[in-house]
Amino acid sequence: MGDAADGFKSGKYSSVREAARITGIPKMTIGARLKGRPTRRKAQERNQKLAHAEEDEVARQVRIATLADKPLQPAAVKQIAEGVRKRRVKGVNEDGAVLVDHLVCIG
């Protein structure tokens, strides 16, 4: 969706209507992006335990295991996600003092 709005801004598309027609994204959605409204995914990121980049890392590890014919069980995926989250929290907490249990992503 950012591509359609960015394409309109850069002149790739002469109008929002053209951007919508070519990309298949509704005109109202492109208009909302041009007005600064974030995507639903971005807007909800602060309510999630993992940031989207962290989710992508978990998904990458799942894909690698699947391609190696070793699909992961849900419990293993949960452990990977918890490890990613703890790595982020560990970077914030001081030795011996827990400042946060989990971080809220602000982006």
C-alpha atoms as a PDB file:
ATOM      1  CA  MET A   1       0.000   0.000   0.000  1.00  0.00           C
ATOM      2  CA  GLY A   2       2.919   2.280   0.669  1.00  0.00           C
ATOM      3  CA  ASP A   3       4.089   1.589  -2.857  1.00  0.00           C
ATOM      4  CA  ALA A   4       0.898   3.009  -4.329  1.00  0.00           C
ATOM      5  CA  ALA A   5       1.040   6.147  -2.176  1.00  0.00           C
ATOM      6  CA  ASP A   6       4.780   6.505  -2.748  1.00  0.00           C
ATOM      7  CA  GLY A   7       4.253   5.954  -6.475  1.00  0.00           C
ATOM      8  CA  PHE A   8       1.691   8.733  -6.573  1.00  0.00           C
ATOM      9  CA  LYS A   9       3.977  11.079  -4.610  1.00  0.00           C
ATOM     10  CA  SER A  10       6.930  10.354  -6.883  1.00  0.00           C
ATOM     11  CA  GLY A  11       4.917  10.837 -10.059  1.00  0.00           C
ATOM     12  CA  LYS A  12       4.927   7.174 -11.089  1.00  0.00           C
ATOM     13  CA  TYR A  13       1.123   7.388 -11.155  1.00  0.00           C
ATOM     14  CA  SER A  14      -0.553  10.525 -12.435  1.00  0.00           C
ATOM     15  CA  SER A  15      -3.518  10.190 -10.093  1.00  0.00           C
ATOM     16  CA  VAL A  16      -4.724   8.267  -7.062  1.00  0.00           C
ATOM     17  CA  ARG A  17      -7.287   6.640  -9.351  1.00  0.00           C
ATOM     18  CA  GLU A  18      -4.522   5.359 -11.639  1.00  0.00           C
ATOM     19  CA  ALA A  19      -2.516   4.088  -8.654  1.00  0.00           C
ATOM     20  CA  ALA A  20      -5.604   2.269  -7.383  1.00  0.00           C
ATOM     21  CA  ARG A  21      -6.367   0.740 -10.772  1.00  0.00           C
ATOM     22  CA  ILE A  22      -2.819  -0.510 -11.353  1.00  0.00           C
ATOM     23  CA  THR A  23      -2.097  -1.755  -7.834  1.00  0.00           C
ATOM     24  CA  GLY A  24      -5.587  -3.010  -6.994  1.00  0.00           C
ATOM     25  CA  ILE A  25      -5.576  -1.022  -3.740  1.00  0.00           C
ATOM     26  CA  PRO A  26      -8.757   0.954  -3.004  1.00  0.00           C
ATOM     27  CA  LYS A  27      -8.581   4.707  -3.616  1.00  0.00           C
ATOM     28  CA  MET A  28      -9.705   5.412  -0.052  1.00  0.00           C
ATOM     29  CA  THR A  29      -6.814   3.355   1.325  1.00  0.00           C
ATOM     30  CA  ILE A  30      -4.264   5.190  -0.800  1.00  0.00           C
ATOM     31  CA  GLY A  31      -5.830   8.510   0.232  1.00  0.00           C
ATOM     32  CA  ALA A  32      -5.589   7.547   3.905  1.00  0.00           C
ATOM     33  CA  ARG A  33      -1.877   6.689   3.495  1.00  0.00           C
ATOM     34  CA  LEU A  34      -1.286  10.028   1.788  1.00  0.00           C
ATOM     35  CA  LYS A  35      -2.920  11.755   4.778  1.00  0.00           C
ATOM     36  CA  GLY A  36      -0.565   9.931   7.128  1.00  0.00           C
ATOM     37  CA  ARG A  37      -2.810   7.186   8.491  1.00  0.00           C
ATOM     38  CA  PRO A  38      -0.671   4.133   9.285  1.00  0.00           C
ATOM     39  CA  THR A  39      -1.422   0.659   8.038  1.00  0.00           C
ATOM     40  CA  ARG A  40      -3.499  -1.507  10.340  1.00  0.00           C
ATOM     41  CA  ARG A  41      -0.427  -3.654  10.977  1.00  0.00           C
ATOM     42  CA  LYS A  42       1.666  -0.642  12.004  1.00  0.00           C
ATOM     43  CA  ALA A  43      -1.099   0.918  14.096  1.00  0.00           C
ATOM     44  CA  GLN A  44      -1.555  -2.251  16.170  1.00  0.00           C
ATOM     45  CA  GLU A  45       2.172  -2.935  16.695  1.00  0.00           C
ATOM     46  CA  ARG A  46       2.231  -1.323  20.150  1.00  0.00           C
ATOM     47  CA  ASN A  47      -0.395  -3.824  21.351  1.00  0.00           C
ATOM     48  CA  GLN A  48       1.704  -6.837  20.382  1.00  0.00           C
ATOM     49  CA  LYS A  49       4.382  -8.693  22.304  1.00  0.00           C
ATOM     50  CA  LEU A  50       6.699  -8.781  19.275  1.00  0.00           C
ATOM     51  CA  ALA A  51       7.529  -6.020  16.830  1.00  0.00           C
ATOM     52  CA  HIS A  52       6.920  -6.838  13.177  1.00  0.00           C
ATOM     53  CA  ALA A  53      10.645  -7.217  12.530  1.00  0.00           C
ATOM     54  CA  GLU A  54      10.766  -9.744  15.363  1.00  0.00           C
ATOM     55  CA  GLU A  55       7.742 -11.578  13.944  1.00  0.00           C
ATOM     56  CA  ASP A  56       9.526 -11.703  10.604  1.00  0.00           C
ATOM     57  CA  GLU A  57      12.565 -13.252  12.317  1.00  0.00           C
ATOM     58  CA  VAL A  58      10.406 -15.960  13.907  1.00  0.00           C
ATOM     59  CA  ALA A  59       8.725 -16.613  10.546  1.00  0.00           C
ATOM     60  CA  ARG A  60      12.137 -16.856   8.855  1.00  0.00           C
ATOM     61  CA  GLN A  61      13.249 -19.485  11.353  1.00  0.00           C
ATOM     62  CA  VAL A  62      10.022 -21.445  10.805  1.00  0.00           C
ATOM     63  CA  ARG A  63      10.560 -21.340   7.019  1.00  0.00           C
ATOM     64  CA  ILE A  64      14.161 -22.529   7.361  1.00  0.00           C
ATOM     65  CA  ALA A  65      13.089 -25.465   9.528  1.00  0.00           C
ATOM     66  CA  THR A  66      10.272 -26.330   7.111  1.00  0.00           C
ATOM     67  CA  LEU A  67      12.591 -26.239   4.094  1.00  0.00           C
ATOM     68  CA  ALA A  68      14.923 -28.591   5.974  1.00  0.00           C
ATOM     69  CA  ASP A  69      11.977 -31.020   6.320  1.00  0.00           C
ATOM     70  CA  LYS A  70      11.848 -30.375  10.061  1.00  0.00           C
ATOM     71  CA  PRO A  71       8.611 -28.450  10.583  1.00  0.00           C
ATOM     72  CA  LEU A  72       8.336 -26.934  14.033  1.00  0.00           C
ATOM     73  CA  GLN A  73       5.638 -27.781  16.529  1.00  0.00           C
ATOM     74  CA  PRO A  74       3.654 -24.831  17.929  1.00  0.00           C
ATOM     75  CA  ALA A  75       5.453 -25.135  21.284  1.00  0.00           C
ATOM     76  CA  ALA A  76       8.822 -24.765  19.529  1.00  0.00           C
ATOM     77  CA  VAL A  77       7.625 -21.685  17.635  1.00  0.00           C
ATOM     78  CA  LYS A  78       6.422 -20.212  20.933  1.00  0.00           C
ATOM     79  CA  GLN A  79       9.863 -20.839  22.466  1.00  0.00           C
ATOM     80  CA  ILE A  80      11.577 -19.116  19.535  1.00  0.00           C
ATOM     81  CA  ALA A  81       9.245 -16.106  19.860  1.00  0.00           C
ATOM     82  CA  GLU A  82       9.838 -15.928  23.607  1.00  0.00           C
ATOM     83  CA  GLY A  83      13.601 -16.061  23.012  1.00  0.00           C
ATOM     84  CA  VAL A  84      13.382 -13.159  20.555  1.00  0.00           C
ATOM     85  CA  ARG A  85      11.289 -11.149  23.044  1.00  0.00           C
ATOM     86  CA  LYS A  86      13.650 -11.895  25.940  1.00  0.00           C
ATOM     87  CA  ARG A  87      16.646 -10.828  23.839  1.00  0.00           C
ATOM     88  CA  ARG A  88      15.032  -7.399  23.367  1.00  0.00           C
ATOM     89  CA  VAL A  89      14.060  -7.091  27.035  1.00  0.00           C
ATOM     90  CA  LYS A  90      17.524  -8.198  28.182  1.00  0.00           C
ATOM     91  CA  GLY A  91      19.015  -5.253  26.297  1.00  0.00           C
ATOM     92  CA  VAL A  92      16.925  -2.872  28.434  1.00  0.00           C
ATOM     93  CA  ASN A  93      17.230  -4.472  31.869  1.00  0.00           C
ATOM     94  CA  GLU A  94      20.281  -3.844  34.026  1.00  0.00           C
ATOM     95  CA  ASP A  95      22.216  -6.621  35.739  1.00  0.00           C
ATOM     96  CA  GLY A  96      20.099  -7.900  38.613  1.00  0.00           C
ATOM     97  CA  ALA A  97      17.278  -5.360  38.156  1.00  0.00           C
ATOM     98  CA  VAL A  98      14.229  -6.048  36.030  1.00  0.00           C
ATOM     99  CA  LEU A  99      13.125  -2.711  34.618  1.00  0.00           C
ATOM    100  CA  VAL A 100      10.595  -4.158  32.197  1.00  0.00           C
ATOM    101  CA  ASP A 101       8.944  -7.527  31.716  1.00  0.00           C
ATOM    102  CA  HIS A 102       8.145  -6.811  28.073  1.00  0.00           C
ATOM    103  CA  LEU A 103       8.501  -3.796  25.816  1.00  0.00           C
ATOM    104  CA  VAL A 104       5.778  -2.054  23.921  1.00  0.00           C
ATOM    105  CA  CYS A 105       6.830  -1.229  20.391  1.00  0.00           C
ATOM    106  CA  ILE A 106       6.446   2.387  19.400  1.00  0.00           C
ATOM    107  CA  GLY A 107       7.007   3.026  15.795  1.00  0.00           C
END
